[in-house]
Amino acid sequence: KEREFVAAITGGGTNTYYAYYADSLKGRFSISRDNVKRTVYLQ
């Protein structure tokens, strides 16, 4: 299969981030980031 989008989270260096999800995965998957640890997570 082709590569497909799962989730994304904006950057920008502010404390406000926006998350986006594939419609079929919304509610089961969650994206977050920790800028201190330089890590992004997908639950």
PDB file of all heavy atoms in Angstrom:
ATOM      1  N   LYS A   1       0.833  -1.201   0.000  1.00  0.00           N
ATOM      2  CA  LYS A   1       0.000   0.000   0.000  1.00  0.00           C
ATOM      3  C   LYS A   1       0.866   1.250   0.000  1.00  0.00           C
ATOM      4  O   LYS A   1       2.042   1.210   0.327  1.00  0.00           O
ATOM      5  CB  LYS A   1      -0.922   0.001   1.216  1.00  0.00           C
ATOM      6  CG  LYS A   1      -1.945  -1.116   1.219  1.00  0.00           C
ATOM      7  CD  LYS A   1      -2.943  -0.949   2.345  1.00  0.00           C
ATOM      8  CE  LYS A   1      -4.007  -2.029   2.309  1.00  0.00           C
ATOM      9  NZ  LYS A   1      -5.003  -1.853   3.396  1.00  0.00           N
ATOM     10  N   GLU A   2       0.256   2.350  -0.363  1.00  0.00           N
ATOM     11  CA  GLU A   2       0.964   3.624  -0.348  1.00  0.00           C
ATOM     12  C   GLU A   2       1.081   4.154   1.084  1.00  0.00           C
ATOM     13  O   GLU A   2       0.294   3.806   1.963  1.00  0.00           O
ATOM     14  CB  GLU A   2       0.236   4.637  -1.220  1.00  0.00           C
ATOM     15  CG  GLU A   2       0.235   4.291  -2.697  1.00  0.00           C
ATOM     16  CD  GLU A   2      -0.376   5.393  -3.539  1.00  0.00           C
ATOM     17  OE1 GLU A   2      -0.918   6.349  -2.958  1.00  0.00           O
ATOM     18  OE2 GLU A   2      -0.308   5.288  -4.768  1.00  0.00           O
ATOM     19  N   ARG A   3       2.075   5.005   1.267  1.00  0.00           N
ATOM     20  CA  ARG A   3       2.231   5.642   2.572  1.00  0.00           C
ATOM     21  C   ARG A   3       1.034   6.555   2.828  1.00  0.00           C
ATOM     22  O   ARG A   3       0.614   7.297   1.936  1.00  0.00           O
ATOM     23  CB  ARG A   3       3.530   6.445   2.596  1.00  0.00           C
ATOM     24  CG  ARG A   3       3.903   6.976   3.955  1.00  0.00           C
ATOM     25  CD  ARG A   3       5.302   7.573   3.931  1.00  0.00           C
ATOM     26  NE  ARG A   3       6.310   6.572   3.589  1.00  0.00           N
ATOM     27  CZ  ARG A   3       7.625   6.795   3.669  1.00  0.00           C
ATOM     28  NH1 ARG A   3       8.072   7.979   4.065  1.00  0.00           N
ATOM     29  NH2 ARG A   3       8.489   5.849   3.335  1.00  0.00           N
ATOM     30  N   GLU A   4       0.495   6.506   4.034  1.00  0.00           N
ATOM     31  CA  GLU A   4      -0.680   7.311   4.344  1.00  0.00           C
ATOM     32  C   GLU A   4      -0.466   8.139   5.601  1.00  0.00           C
ATOM     33  O   GLU A   4       0.284   7.755   6.516  1.00  0.00           O
ATOM     34  CB  GLU A   4      -1.918   6.422   4.515  1.00  0.00           C
ATOM     35  CG  GLU A   4      -1.870   5.485   5.703  1.00  0.00           C
ATOM     36  CD  GLU A   4      -3.201   4.759   5.919  1.00  0.00           C
ATOM     37  OE1 GLU A   4      -4.209   5.106   5.276  1.00  0.00           O
ATOM     38  OE2 GLU A   4      -3.224   3.843   6.775  1.00  0.00           O
ATOM     39  N   PHE A   5      -1.151   9.243   5.626  1.00  0.00           N
ATOM     40  CA  PHE A   5      -1.084  10.161   6.755  1.00  0.00           C
ATOM     41  C   PHE A   5      -1.773   9.563   7.973  1.00  0.00           C
ATOM     42  O   PHE A   5      -2.845   8.964   7.864  1.00  0.00           O
ATOM     43  CB  PHE A   5      -1.752  11.479   6.369  1.00  0.00           C
ATOM     44  CG  PHE A   5      -1.947  12.430   7.508  1.00  0.00           C
ATOM     45  CD1 PHE A   5      -0.881  13.133   8.034  1.00  0.00           C
ATOM     46  CD2 PHE A   5      -3.212  12.625   8.059  1.00  0.00           C
ATOM     47  CE1 PHE A   5      -1.053  14.019   9.083  1.00  0.00           C
ATOM     48  CE2 PHE A   5      -3.408  13.502   9.101  1.00  0.00           C
ATOM     49  CZ  PHE A   5      -2.328  14.204   9.618  1.00  0.00           C
ATOM     50  N   VAL A   6      -1.147   9.748   9.137  1.00  0.00           N
ATOM     51  CA  VAL A   6      -1.726   9.289  10.397  1.00  0.00           C
ATOM     52  C   VAL A   6      -2.101  10.478  11.279  1.00  0.00           C
ATOM     53  O   VAL A   6      -3.251  10.637  11.667  1.00  0.00           O
ATOM     54  CB  VAL A   6      -0.744   8.367  11.150  1.00  0.00           C
ATOM     55  CG1 VAL A   6      -1.293   8.015  12.533  1.00  0.00           C
ATOM     56  CG2 VAL A   6      -0.462   7.110  10.345  1.00  0.00           C
ATOM     57  N   ALA A   7      -1.115  11.312  11.586  1.00  0.00           N
ATOM     58  CA  ALA A   7      -1.348  12.451  12.478  1.00  0.00           C
ATOM     59  C   ALA A   7      -0.222  13.458  12.315  1.00  0.00           C
ATOM     60  O   ALA A   7       0.867  13.115  11.849  1.00  0.00           O
ATOM     61  CB  ALA A   7      -1.438  11.998  13.933  1.00  0.00           C
ATOM     62  N   ALA A   8      -0.486  14.691  12.719  1.00  0.00           N
ATOM     63  CA  ALA A   8       0.535  15.733  12.670  1.00  0.00           C
ATOM     64  C   ALA A   8       0.271  16.749  13.765  1.00  0.00           C
ATOM     65  O   ALA A   8      -0.867  16.895  14.224  1.00  0.00           O
ATOM     66  CB  ALA A   8       0.546  16.415  11.303  1.00  0.00           C
ATOM     67  N   ILE A   9       1.330  17.432  14.141  1.00  0.00           N
ATOM     68  CA  ILE A   9       1.217  18.482  15.139  1.00  0.00           C
ATOM     69  C   ILE A   9       2.104  19.636  14.705  1.00  0.00           C
ATOM     70  O   ILE A   9       3.237  19.434  14.260  1.00  0.00           O
ATOM     71  CB  ILE A   9       1.583  17.954  16.544  1.00  0.00           C
ATOM     72  CG1 ILE A   9       1.295  18.998  17.617  1.00  0.00           C
ATOM     73  CG2 ILE A   9       3.029  17.479  16.598  1.00  0.00           C
ATOM     74  CD1 ILE A   9       1.315  18.416  19.033  1.00  0.00           C
ATOM     75  N   THR A  10       1.570  20.850  14.816  1.00  0.00           N
ATOM     76  CA  THR A  10       2.312  22.009  14.348  1.00  0.00           C
ATOM     77  C   THR A  10       3.467  22.338  15.279  1.00  0.00           C
ATOM     78  O   THR A  10       3.524  21.891  16.422  1.00  0.00           O
ATOM     79  CB  THR A  10       1.394  23.225  14.236  1.00  0.00           C
ATOM     80  OG1 THR A  10       0.785  23.457  15.518  1.00  0.00           O
ATOM     81  CG2 THR A  10       0.321  23.003  13.187  1.00  0.00           C
ATOM     82  N   GLY A  11       4.378  23.155  14.763  1.00  0.00           N
ATOM     83  CA  GLY A  11       5.503  23.630  15.551  1.00  0.00           C
ATOM     84  C   GLY A  11       5.363  25.117  15.764  1.00  0.00           C
ATOM     85  O   GLY A  11       4.299  25.593  16.122  1.00  0.00           O
ATOM     86  N   GLY A  12       6.418  25.870  15.522  1.00  0.00           N
ATOM     87  CA  GLY A  12       6.351  27.324  15.595  1.00  0.00           C
ATOM     88  C   GLY A  12       6.953  27.909  16.833  1.00  0.00           C
ATOM     89  O   GLY A  12       7.110  29.114  16.942  1.00  0.00           O
ATOM     90  N   GLY A  13       7.278  27.073  17.823  1.00  0.00           N
ATOM     91  CA  GLY A  13       7.948  27.577  19.007  1.00  0.00           C
ATOM     92  C   GLY A  13       7.060  28.269  20.004  1.00  0.00           C
ATOM     93  O   GLY A  13       7.539  28.818  20.998  1.00  0.00           O
ATOM     94  N   THR A  14       5.760  28.273  19.779  1.00  0.00           N
ATOM     95  CA  THR A  14       4.839  28.851  20.764  1.00  0.00           C
ATOM     96  C   THR A  14       4.303  27.745  21.658  1.00  0.00           C
ATOM     97  O   THR A  14       4.637  26.584  21.487  1.00  0.00           O
ATOM     98  CB  THR A  14       3.666  29.555  20.074  1.00  0.00           C
ATOM     99  OG1 THR A  14       2.851  28.564  19.456  1.00  0.00           O
ATOM    100  CG2 THR A  14       4.160  30.527  19.026  1.00  0.00           C
ATOM    101  N   ASN A  15       3.482  28.094  22.601  1.00  0.00           N
ATOM    102  CA  ASN A  15       2.881  27.089  23.476  1.00  0.00           C
ATOM    103  C   ASN A  15       1.551  26.577  22.956  1.00  0.00           C
ATOM    104  O   ASN A  15       0.878  25.809  23.638  1.00  0.00           O
ATOM    105  CB  ASN A  15       2.701  27.660  24.879  1.00  0.00           C
ATOM    106  CG  ASN A  15       4.030  27.867  25.569  1.00  0.00           C
ATOM    107  OD1 ASN A  15       4.973  27.115  25.371  1.00  0.00           O
ATOM    108  ND2 ASN A  15       4.121  28.914  26.378  1.00  0.00           N
ATOM    109  N   THR A  16       1.175  27.014  21.778  1.00  0.00           N
ATOM    110  CA  THR A  16      -0.089  26.569  21.179  1.00  0.00           C
ATOM    111  C   THR A  16       0.219  25.704  19.973  1.00  0.00           C
ATOM    112  O   THR A  16       0.907  26.138  19.047  1.00  0.00           O
ATOM    113  CB  THR A  16      -0.950  27.758  20.754  1.00  0.00           C
ATOM    114  OG1 THR A  16      -1.222  28.574  21.899  1.00  0.00           O
ATOM    115  CG2 THR A  16      -2.251  27.273  20.154  1.00  0.00           C
ATOM    116  N   TYR A  17      -0.270  24.480  20.023  1.00  0.00           N
ATOM    117  CA  TYR A  17      -0.049  23.547  18.935  1.00  0.00           C
ATOM    118  C   TYR A  17      -1.387  23.023  18.442  1.00  0.00           C
ATOM    119  O   TYR A  17      -2.335  22.895  19.203  1.00  0.00           O
ATOM    120  CB  TYR A  17       0.829  22.387  19.405  1.00  0.00           C
ATOM    121  CG  TYR A  17       2.164  22.837  19.936  1.00  0.00           C
ATOM    122  CD1 TYR A  17       2.385  22.986  21.300  1.00  0.00           C
ATOM    123  CD2 TYR A  17       3.195  23.145  19.064  1.00  0.00           C
ATOM    124  CE1 TYR A  17       3.601  23.427  21.776  1.00  0.00           C
ATOM    125  CE2 TYR A  17       4.418  23.590  19.536  1.00  0.00           C
ATOM    126  CZ  TYR A  17       4.613  23.726  20.895  1.00  0.00           C
ATOM    127  OH  TYR A  17       5.822  24.165  21.369  1.00  0.00           O
ATOM    128  N   TYR A  18      -1.414  22.727  17.173  1.00  0.00           N
ATOM    129  CA  TYR A  18      -2.617  22.177  16.559  1.00  0.00           C
ATOM    130  C   TYR A  18      -2.321  20.774  16.067  1.00  0.00           C
ATOM    131  O   TYR A  18      -1.291  20.532  15.442  1.00  0.00           O
ATOM    132  CB  TYR A  18      -3.074  23.076  15.417  1.00  0.00           C
ATOM    133  CG  TYR A  18      -3.447  24.460  15.884  1.00  0.00           C
ATOM    134  CD1 TYR A  18      -2.524  25.500  15.846  1.00  0.00           C
ATOM    135  CD2 TYR A  18      -4.719  24.732  16.399  1.00  0.00           C
ATOM    136  CE1 TYR A  18      -2.849  26.778  16.298  1.00  0.00           C
ATOM    137  CE2 TYR A  18      -5.056  25.999  16.843  1.00  0.00           C
ATOM    138  CZ  TYR A  18      -4.114  27.009  16.791  1.00  0.00           C
ATOM    139  OH  TYR A  18      -4.445  28.257  17.244  1.00  0.00           O
ATOM    140  N   ALA A  19      -3.240  19.889  16.340  1.00  0.00           N
ATOM    141  CA  ALA A  19      -3.082  18.499  15.945  1.00  0.00           C
ATOM    142  C   ALA A  19      -4.081  18.155  14.855  1.00  0.00           C
ATOM    143  O   ALA A  19      -5.212  18.648  14.853  1.00  0.00           O
ATOM    144  CB  ALA A  19      -3.264  17.574  17.138  1.00  0.00           C
ATOM    145  N   TYR A  20      -3.650  17.297  13.957  1.00  0.00           N
ATOM    146  CA  TYR A  20      -4.489  16.838  12.852  1.00  0.00           C
ATOM    147  C   TYR A  20      -4.414  15.320  12.790  1.00  0.00           C
ATOM    148  O   TYR A  20      -3.356  14.741  13.043  1.00  0.00           O
ATOM    149  CB  TYR A  20      -4.011  17.442  11.528  1.00  0.00           C
ATOM    150  CG  TYR A  20      -3.962  18.951  11.538  1.00  0.00           C
ATOM    151  CD1 TYR A  20      -2.813  19.635  11.916  1.00  0.00           C
ATOM    152  CD2 TYR A  20      -5.089  19.695  11.192  1.00  0.00           C
ATOM    153  CE1 TYR A  20      -2.774  21.022  11.948  1.00  0.00           C
ATOM    154  CE2 TYR A  20      -5.052  21.080  11.214  1.00  0.00           C
ATOM    155  CZ  TYR A  20      -3.886  21.736  11.596  1.00  0.00           C
ATOM    156  OH  TYR A  20      -3.862  23.106  11.621  1.00  0.00           O
ATOM    157  N   TYR A  21      -5.522  14.718  12.416  1.00  0.00           N
ATOM    158  CA  TYR A  21      -5.584  13.265  12.365  1.00  0.00           C
ATOM    159  C   TYR A  21      -6.257  12.798  11.088  1.00  0.00           C
ATOM    160  O   TYR A  21      -7.136  13.476  10.549  1.00  0.00           O
ATOM    161  CB  TYR A  21      -6.375  12.720  13.563  1.00  0.00           C
ATOM    162  CG  TYR A  21      -5.758  13.044  14.894  1.00  0.00           C
ATOM    163  CD1 TYR A  21      -6.146  14.167  15.611  1.00  0.00           C
ATOM    164  CD2 TYR A  21      -4.762  12.231  15.422  1.00  0.00           C
ATOM    165  CE1 TYR A  21      -5.563  14.478  16.823  1.00  0.00           C
ATOM    166  CE2 TYR A  21      -4.174  12.536  16.647  1.00  0.00           C
ATOM    167  CZ  TYR A  21      -4.578  13.659  17.333  1.00  0.00           C
ATOM    168  OH  TYR A  21      -3.997  13.966  18.545  1.00  0.00           O
ATOM    169  N   ALA A  22      -5.857  11.620  10.668  1.00  0.00           N
ATOM    170  CA  ALA A  22      -6.622  10.958   9.616  1.00  0.00           C
ATOM    171  C   ALA A  22      -8.008  10.688  10.161  1.00  0.00           C
ATOM    172  O   ALA A  22      -8.167  10.264  11.316  1.00  0.00           O
ATOM    173  CB  ALA A  22      -5.925   9.655   9.217  1.00  0.00           C
ATOM    174  N   ASP A  23      -9.021  10.938   9.351  1.00  0.00           N
ATOM    175  CA  ASP A  23     -10.402  10.806   9.831  1.00  0.00           C
ATOM    176  C   ASP A  23     -10.682   9.419  10.388  1.00  0.00           C
ATOM    177  O   ASP A  23     -11.379   9.271  11.392  1.00  0.00           O
ATOM    178  CB  ASP A  23     -11.370  11.112   8.691  1.00  0.00           C
ATOM    179  CG  ASP A  23     -11.362  12.582   8.309  1.00  0.00           C
ATOM    180  OD1 ASP A  23     -10.893  13.407   9.119  1.00  0.00           O
ATOM    181  OD2 ASP A  23     -11.823  12.900   7.199  1.00  0.00           O
ATOM    182  N   SER A  24     -10.111   8.414   9.763  1.00  0.00           N
ATOM    183  CA  SER A  24     -10.406   7.037  10.177  1.00  0.00           C
ATOM    184  C   SER A  24      -9.741   6.680  11.501  1.00  0.00           C
ATOM    185  O   SER A  24     -10.093   5.669  12.113  1.00  0.00           O
ATOM    186  CB  SER A  24      -9.938   6.065   9.097  1.00  0.00           C
ATOM    187  OG  SER A  24      -8.534   6.176   8.910  1.00  0.00           O
ATOM    188  N   LEU A  25      -8.779   7.485  11.953  1.00  0.00           N
ATOM    189  CA  LEU A  25      -8.034   7.168  13.164  1.00  0.00           C
ATOM    190  C   LEU A  25      -8.373   8.089  14.333  1.00  0.00           C
ATOM    191  O   LEU A  25      -7.951   7.832  15.471  1.00  0.00           O
ATOM    192  CB  LEU A  25      -6.534   7.264  12.885  1.00  0.00           C
ATOM    193  CG  LEU A  25      -6.002   6.358  11.786  1.00  0.00           C
ATOM    194  CD1 LEU A  25      -4.528   6.619  11.548  1.00  0.00           C
ATOM    195  CD2 LEU A  25      -6.244   4.899  12.122  1.00  0.00           C
ATOM    196  N   LYS A  26      -9.114   9.129  14.044  1.00  0.00           N
ATOM    197  CA  LYS A  26      -9.464  10.080  15.089  1.00  0.00           C
ATOM    198  C   LYS A  26     -10.209   9.362  16.207  1.00  0.00           C
ATOM    199  O   LYS A  26     -11.128   8.596  15.967  1.00  0.00           O
ATOM    200  CB  LYS A  26     -10.329  11.190  14.497  1.00  0.00           C
ATOM    201  CG  LYS A  26     -10.397  12.443  15.336  1.00  0.00           C
ATOM    202  CD  LYS A  26     -11.201  13.519  14.607  1.00  0.00           C
ATOM    203  CE  LYS A  26     -10.572  13.914  13.294  1.00  0.00           C
ATOM    204  NZ  LYS A  26     -11.313  15.013  12.635  1.00  0.00           N
ATOM    205  N   GLY A  27      -9.791   9.625  17.444  1.00  0.00           N
ATOM    206  CA  GLY A  27     -10.418   8.990  18.596  1.00  0.00           C
ATOM    207  C   GLY A  27      -9.633   7.808  19.133  1.00  0.00           C
ATOM    208  O   GLY A  27      -9.744   7.471  20.305  1.00  0.00           O
ATOM    209  N   ARG A  28      -8.824   7.177  18.267  1.00  0.00           N
ATOM    210  CA  ARG A  28      -7.998   6.061  18.726  1.00  0.00           C
ATOM    211  C   ARG A  28      -6.534   6.461  18.865  1.00  0.00           C
ATOM    212  O   ARG A  28      -5.822   5.935  19.718  1.00  0.00           O
ATOM    213  CB  ARG A  28      -8.085   4.880  17.767  1.00  0.00           C
ATOM    214  CG  ARG A  28      -9.410   4.161  17.758  1.00  0.00           C
ATOM    215  CD  ARG A  28      -9.292   2.785  17.121  1.00  0.00           C
ATOM    216  NE  ARG A  28      -8.841   2.846  15.737  1.00  0.00           N
ATOM    217  CZ  ARG A  28      -7.773   2.192  15.280  1.00  0.00           C
ATOM    218  NH1 ARG A  28      -7.024   1.462  16.088  1.00  0.00           N
ATOM    219  NH2 ARG A  28      -7.455   2.273  13.993  1.00  0.00           N
ATOM    220  N   PHE A  29      -6.081   7.367  18.006  1.00  0.00           N
ATOM    221  CA  PHE A  29      -4.681   7.793  18.005  1.00  0.00           C
ATOM    222  C   PHE A  29      -4.580   9.219  18.525  1.00  0.00           C
ATOM    223  O   PHE A  29      -5.461  10.042  18.300  1.00  0.00           O
ATOM    224  CB  PHE A  29      -4.109   7.729  16.599  1.00  0.00           C
ATOM    225  CG  PHE A  29      -3.853   6.327  16.079  1.00  0.00           C
ATOM    226  CD1 PHE A  29      -4.455   5.220  16.653  1.00  0.00           C
ATOM    227  CD2 PHE A  29      -3.012   6.132  15.004  1.00  0.00           C
ATOM    228  CE1 PHE A  29      -4.222   3.948  16.166  1.00  0.00           C
ATOM    229  CE2 PHE A  29      -2.768   4.862  14.502  1.00  0.00           C
ATOM    230  CZ  PHE A  29      -3.378   3.760  15.088  1.00  0.00           C
ATOM    231  N   SER A  30      -3.470   9.503  19.186  1.00  0.00           N
ATOM    232  CA  SER A  30      -3.247  10.837  19.723  1.00  0.00           C
ATOM    233  C   SER A  30      -1.781  11.219  19.561  1.00  0.00           C
ATOM    234  O   SER A  30      -0.889  10.435  19.911  1.00  0.00           O
ATOM    235  CB  SER A  30      -3.637  10.884  21.202  1.00  0.00           C
ATOM    236  OG  SER A  30      -3.367  12.152  21.754  1.00  0.00           O
ATOM    237  N   ILE A  31      -1.535  12.412  19.048  1.00  0.00           N
ATOM    238  CA  ILE A  31      -0.177  12.895  18.855  1.00  0.00           C
ATOM    239  C   ILE A  31       0.137  13.974  19.883  1.00  0.00           C
ATOM    240  O   ILE A  31      -0.733  14.772  20.249  1.00  0.00           O
ATOM    241  CB  ILE A  31       0.030  13.433  17.419  1.00  0.00           C
ATOM    242  CG1 ILE A  31       1.506  13.731  17.145  1.00  0.00           C
ATOM    243  CG2 ILE A  31      -0.851  14.647  17.156  1.00  0.00           C
ATOM    244  CD1 ILE A  31       1.790  14.051  15.675  1.00  0.00           C
ATOM    245  N   SER A  32       1.368  13.975  20.352  1.00  0.00           N
ATOM    246  CA  SER A  32       1.808  15.002  21.291  1.00  0.00           C
ATOM    247  C   SER A  32       3.303  15.226  21.103  1.00  0.00           C
ATOM    248  O   SER A  32       3.967  14.434  20.432  1.00  0.00           O
ATOM    249  CB  SER A  32       1.502  14.593  22.739  1.00  0.00           C
ATOM    250  OG  SER A  32       2.187  13.399  23.076  1.00  0.00           O
ATOM    251  N   ARG A  33       3.801  16.307  21.689  1.00  0.00           N
ATOM    252  CA  ARG A  33       5.225  16.594  21.565  1.00  0.00           C
ATOM    253  C   ARG A  33       5.771  17.131  22.872  1.00  0.00           C
ATOM    254  O   ARG A  33       5.058  17.765  23.645  1.00  0.00           O
ATOM    255  CB  ARG A  33       5.478  17.587  20.429  1.00  0.00           C
ATOM    256  CG  ARG A  33       4.899  18.969  20.625  1.00  0.00           C
ATOM    257  CD  ARG A  33       5.043  19.811  19.336  1.00  0.00           C
ATOM    258  NE  ARG A  33       6.443  19.972  18.961  1.00  0.00           N
ATOM    259  CZ  ARG A  33       6.828  20.264  17.714  1.00  0.00           C
ATOM    260  NH1 ARG A  33       5.942  20.406  16.761  1.00  0.00           N
ATOM    261  NH2 ARG A  33       8.118  20.403  17.444  1.00  0.00           N
ATOM    262  N   ASP A  34       7.041  16.870  23.105  1.00  0.00           N
ATOM    263  CA  ASP A  34       7.758  17.396  24.253  1.00  0.00           C
ATOM    264  C   ASP A  34       8.998  18.086  23.697  1.00  0.00           C
ATOM    265  O   ASP A  34       9.966  17.423  23.304  1.00  0.00           O
ATOM    266  CB  ASP A  34       8.144  16.259  25.205  1.00  0.00           C
ATOM    267  CG  ASP A  34       8.802  16.751  26.486  1.00  0.00           C
ATOM    268  OD1 ASP A  34       9.468  17.810  26.440  1.00  0.00           O
ATOM    269  OD2 ASP A  34       8.682  16.075  27.511  1.00  0.00           O
ATOM    270  N   ASN A  35       8.965  19.398  23.642  1.00  0.00           N
ATOM    271  CA  ASN A  35      10.064  20.129  23.015  1.00  0.00           C
ATOM    272  C   ASN A  35      11.342  20.079  23.839  1.00  0.00           C
ATOM    273  O   ASN A  35      12.437  20.193  23.289  1.00  0.00           O
ATOM    274  CB  ASN A  35       9.662  21.579  22.774  1.00  0.00           C
ATOM    275  CG  ASN A  35       8.624  21.704  21.673  1.00  0.00           C
ATOM    276  OD1 ASN A  35       8.530  20.841  20.797  1.00  0.00           O
ATOM    277  ND2 ASN A  35       7.852  22.773  21.723  1.00  0.00           N
ATOM    278  N   VAL A  36      11.222  19.907  25.143  1.00  0.00           N
ATOM    279  CA  VAL A  36      12.422  19.792  25.977  1.00  0.00           C
ATOM    280  C   VAL A  36      13.158  18.495  25.640  1.00  0.00           C
ATOM    281  O   VAL A  36      14.383  18.468  25.525  1.00  0.00           O
ATOM    282  CB  VAL A  36      12.064  19.852  27.464  1.00  0.00           C
ATOM    283  CG1 VAL A  36      13.287  19.577  28.328  1.00  0.00           C
ATOM    284  CG2 VAL A  36      11.450  21.212  27.801  1.00  0.00           C
ATOM    285  N   LYS A  37      12.399  17.430  25.481  1.00  0.00           N
ATOM    286  CA  LYS A  37      12.989  16.132  25.139  1.00  0.00           C
ATOM    287  C   LYS A  37      13.196  15.959  23.638  1.00  0.00           C
ATOM    288  O   LYS A  37      13.733  14.939  23.207  1.00  0.00           O
ATOM    289  CB  LYS A  37      12.110  15.003  25.668  1.00  0.00           C
ATOM    290  CG  LYS A  37      12.020  14.956  27.179  1.00  0.00           C
ATOM    291  CD  LYS A  37      11.181  13.777  27.635  1.00  0.00           C
ATOM    292  CE  LYS A  37      11.134  13.704  29.158  1.00  0.00           C
ATOM    293  NZ  LYS A  37      10.292  12.563  29.621  1.00  0.00           N
ATOM    294  N   ARG A  38      12.727  16.937  22.856  1.00  0.00           N
ATOM    295  CA  ARG A  38      12.851  16.854  21.391  1.00  0.00           C
ATOM    296  C   ARG A  38      12.240  15.565  20.872  1.00  0.00           C
ATOM    297  O   ARG A  38      12.835  14.852  20.045  1.00  0.00           O
ATOM    298  CB  ARG A  38      14.312  16.970  20.958  1.00  0.00           C
ATOM    299  CG  ARG A  38      14.961  18.285  21.320  1.00  0.00           C
ATOM    300  CD  ARG A  38      16.418  18.293  20.964  1.00  0.00           C
ATOM    301  NE  ARG A  38      17.090  19.469  21.469  1.00  0.00           N
ATOM    302  CZ  ARG A  38      18.410  19.613  21.482  1.00  0.00           C
ATOM    303  NH1 ARG A  38      19.183  18.659  21.020  1.00  0.00           N
ATOM    304  NH2 ARG A  38      18.943  20.719  21.967  1.00  0.00           N
ATOM    305  N   THR A  39      11.058  15.283  21.351  1.00  0.00           N
ATOM    306  CA  THR A  39      10.406  14.019  21.023  1.00  0.00           C
ATOM    307  C   THR A  39       8.945  14.263  20.694  1.00  0.00           C
ATOM    308  O   THR A  39       8.285  15.074  21.349  1.00  0.00           O
ATOM    309  CB  THR A  39      10.530  13.034  22.194  1.00  0.00           C
ATOM    310  OG1 THR A  39      11.917  12.798  22.472  1.00  0.00           O
ATOM    311  CG2 THR A  39       9.863  11.704  21.861  1.00  0.00           C
ATOM    312  N   VAL A  40       8.471  13.552  19.723  1.00  0.00           N
ATOM    313  CA  VAL A  40       7.047  13.540  19.403  1.00  0.00           C
ATOM    314  C   VAL A  40       6.536  12.118  19.616  1.00  0.00           C
ATOM    315  O   VAL A  40       7.259  11.147  19.386  1.00  0.00           O
ATOM    316  CB  VAL A  40       6.785  14.032  17.959  1.00  0.00           C
ATOM    317  CG1 VAL A  40       7.428  13.104  16.934  1.00  0.00           C
ATOM    318  CG2 VAL A  40       5.302  14.189  17.709  1.00  0.00           C
ATOM    319  N   TYR A  41       5.305  12.025  20.099  1.00  0.00           N
ATOM    320  CA  TYR A  41       4.731  10.741  20.463  1.00  0.00           C
ATOM    321  C   TYR A  41       3.475  10.471  19.642  1.00  0.00           C
ATOM    322  O   TYR A  41       2.768  11.387  19.231  1.00  0.00           O
ATOM    323  CB  TYR A  41       4.368  10.723  21.946  1.00  0.00           C
ATOM    324  CG  TYR A  41       5.525  11.017  22.866  1.00  0.00           C
ATOM    325  CD1 TYR A  41       5.709  12.302  23.382  1.00  0.00           C
ATOM    326  CD2 TYR A  41       6.422  10.029  23.223  1.00  0.00           C
ATOM    327  CE1 TYR A  41       6.762  12.588  24.230  1.00  0.00           C
ATOM    328  CE2 TYR A  41       7.482  10.299  24.078  1.00  0.00           C
ATOM    329  CZ  TYR A  41       7.652  11.586  24.576  1.00  0.00           C
ATOM    330  OH  TYR A  41       8.703  11.864  25.418  1.00  0.00           O
ATOM    331  N   LEU A  42       3.214   9.193  19.465  1.00  0.00           N
ATOM    332  CA  LEU A  42       1.952   8.766  18.875  1.00  0.00           C
ATOM    333  C   LEU A  42       1.378   7.682  19.775  1.00  0.00           C
ATOM    334  O   LEU A  42       1.908   6.571  19.833  1.00  0.00           O
ATOM    335  CB  LEU A  42       2.145   8.230  17.461  1.00  0.00           C
ATOM    336  CG  LEU A  42       0.861   7.818  16.749  1.00  0.00           C
ATOM    337  CD1 LEU A  42       0.004   9.058  16.440  1.00  0.00           C
ATOM    338  CD2 LEU A  42       1.143   7.053  15.470  1.00  0.00           C
ATOM    339  N   GLN A  43       0.330   8.033  20.495  1.00  0.00           N
ATOM    340  CA  GLN A  43      -0.360   7.064  21.346  1.00  0.00           C
ATOM    341  C   GLN A  43      -1.424   6.373  20.506  1.00  0.00           C
ATOM    342  O   GLN A  43      -2.283   7.034  19.926  1.00  0.00           O
ATOM    343  CB  GLN A  43      -1.004   7.778  22.536  1.00  0.00           C
ATOM    344  CG  GLN A  43      -1.792   6.866  23.456  1.00  0.00           C
ATOM    345  CD  GLN A  43      -0.907   5.874  24.188  1.00  0.00           C
ATOM    346  OE1 GLN A  43       0.157   6.229  24.686  1.00  0.00           O
ATOM    347  NE2 GLN A  43      -1.346   4.621  24.271  1.00  0.00           N
TER     348      GLN A  43
END
